[in-house]
Amino acid sequence: MYEKPSVCPLCEFTSQVYLFTRHGARVVRCTNCALTRLQGDTATETTAQPPADSGDAQPSFTDRAAAEAYLAILHTRHGGGGSILAVAEAGHPFLSATEAHGFTVSTRTTARDIERDGIPDGHYQCAVVLSQLERACNPVAVLEAIQHALAPGAVLLIVTPSLDSWPARVLGSQWTEWRPGNRWYFDTQTVQSACLRAGFGDVEWSPYQRRYTLDHVYGRAIRAMPTRLTRLIRRATPFVPVPLRPRLRLNLPASDIVVTVRRLESPARPLLSIVMPVFNERATFERTLQAVLAKPLSGVDKEILIVESGSTDGTRELVREYETRPEVTVILEDRPRGKGAAVRTGLQRARGTLVLIQDADCEYDVNDYDALLEPLLTWQRAFVLGSRHVGHWKMRRFSDQPAAAAFFNFGHVLFGTALNILYGQSIRDPFTMYKVFRRDCLHGLRFECNRFDFDFELVIKLVRKGYVPLEVPVNYESRSFKEGKKVSAFRDPLTWIRALVKFRFASIYGGPQGPPAQPSRLAQTPAARSEKPFADT
């Protein structure tokens, strides 16, 4: 029977697209934010279904190992023991393992109990949501209730099936997590958006591997809804001698994602930090700044961070005239180190929940702000690129230097193609100045580039962290080198090649190495990583 589209709990849109039917229920996806729902009579809470983490009547080796891993993550992020708000089914192995790690479960509840009865009073020091968020009628409301119950700075750990997981991508409609009792399905983008909307931040996530015994896999296949995969397991396992089944252990990608977040104080209105690097822009600086100051933004406050890098043409004197403006923060550097260094300085001082990079050269149109911010404000995406080449290709046209224009247009295609091949993307304009993102996207990242290779570094590291940029068409009129363009035709391409190769393999995070080995890889970042929004050199 057709079910009328309901309001998406994340973005509040009602438009949705039908994907397929599984076990008598329709799987639909929000056309705005991509939050996915199992919609139908079978998508109801049922006591007949075992918890998602429970493959056997008694906690198995797999479940106990996973519980220990969750506690290790919580201990790393929280920094010690304390009282836990546990949103989990009774009997979950996590509950019995907490004491050995210095934690005490003060309250155990479920997502449905929270929606019905709320949460008992008490500022809990941390919380866990284990295979429950997907069962809530309104997962964002559940997260908001947990946020209100936690002490400031408390850590929340979430375990939920992920559409980005290897099993989900490989099995598609045959994925075993499409089952009664589950209502909502998240990916890395939507789970982050849900946490941010509920008042959490410093989001870290990671898919991970679990060690399964054949007994555990067989037990889950017996109790799961029938699919081609579960039927195959049921038929093949009896051929394995019974004594060998608990000894055969396999490291396999799990269907779940582990997310840790920290309780923050959310501003009443979103604040947009506009980072403006300035160097020798006397002819265009004031015109650009006046346009930014005059640009109205509905429902958003703004701060403008001008990073002046020791101009020699009188620009610094113009910048200093705006030091007393309430919306403007002027940062004076002692020497020019490059655009990338100036942007990094501005990012360190940014206070906003949203960040936009704005050059002072009048090549871009500030009237595109509305289109750039809309995907972030409607929770559609966390990372937006203002593309000059989506729809109509806006080529560089230097009327006084046509050969240089052709050279840089060719370079754009060459380096853009190289990035897409190396990183598995299809980005039309990674070099665009207009990069707009939620500030939380920078959490834990390390940046080092000083020149125009920072454009590559920022895009690459956000992509490697898991963000898929949305490209929005913007207006663009290029200036020539005689008019003040600063990119070097010889030096900068070498830095772009270096960035393309280095950041494909080097750690993107603040520590000297990447995420640690399993099982602590669940934490996504090493314990030694700074808790600042991002680390810098």
Foldseek 3Di string as FASTA:
>chain_A
DDDQFDQALQQRDRDWAWDDAAPNWTWIAHPFARKIWGHDPLQAADPLADFPLDLDPARDPQQLVVLVLLLVLLCLQLVAEWEEEEADDPRRNNQVPRVVRRYHHPHYHHQVCCVVPNDDAAAGQEYEHESGLQQHPRSLVSLLSVLVRHDAFHKYKYKYFACPFPQNVVCPSLRQVPGHRGTIHHHPLRVQSSNVVSQWFLKFKDFAWTKDFLVSLLSNLVSTDDDPVSVVSVVPVVVDDPVCRRVDIDTDTDRIMMMMITGHDDDPFFEEEEEEEDAQQVPQQVVQVVQVVPDDDPRYHYAYEYEYADHDPCVVVVQVVCCPPPRYHYHYHPHAQAPLVSRVVSLLVDDGQKYWYDYRNPFFHCVCVHVQCVSVVSSSFFKAAADQPPPNNDFADEPVCRVVSVLVVVVQVVLVVLLCVLLVADDNGLQGRTIMGGLSLLAFFEDEDHYSLSSVLVVLLSVVSPGHYHYHYTGGHDYDVVSPDDDDPPPVVVSNVVSSPCSSPAARGDDRHFQDDPPNSRSRHDSPGDRRSGDYD
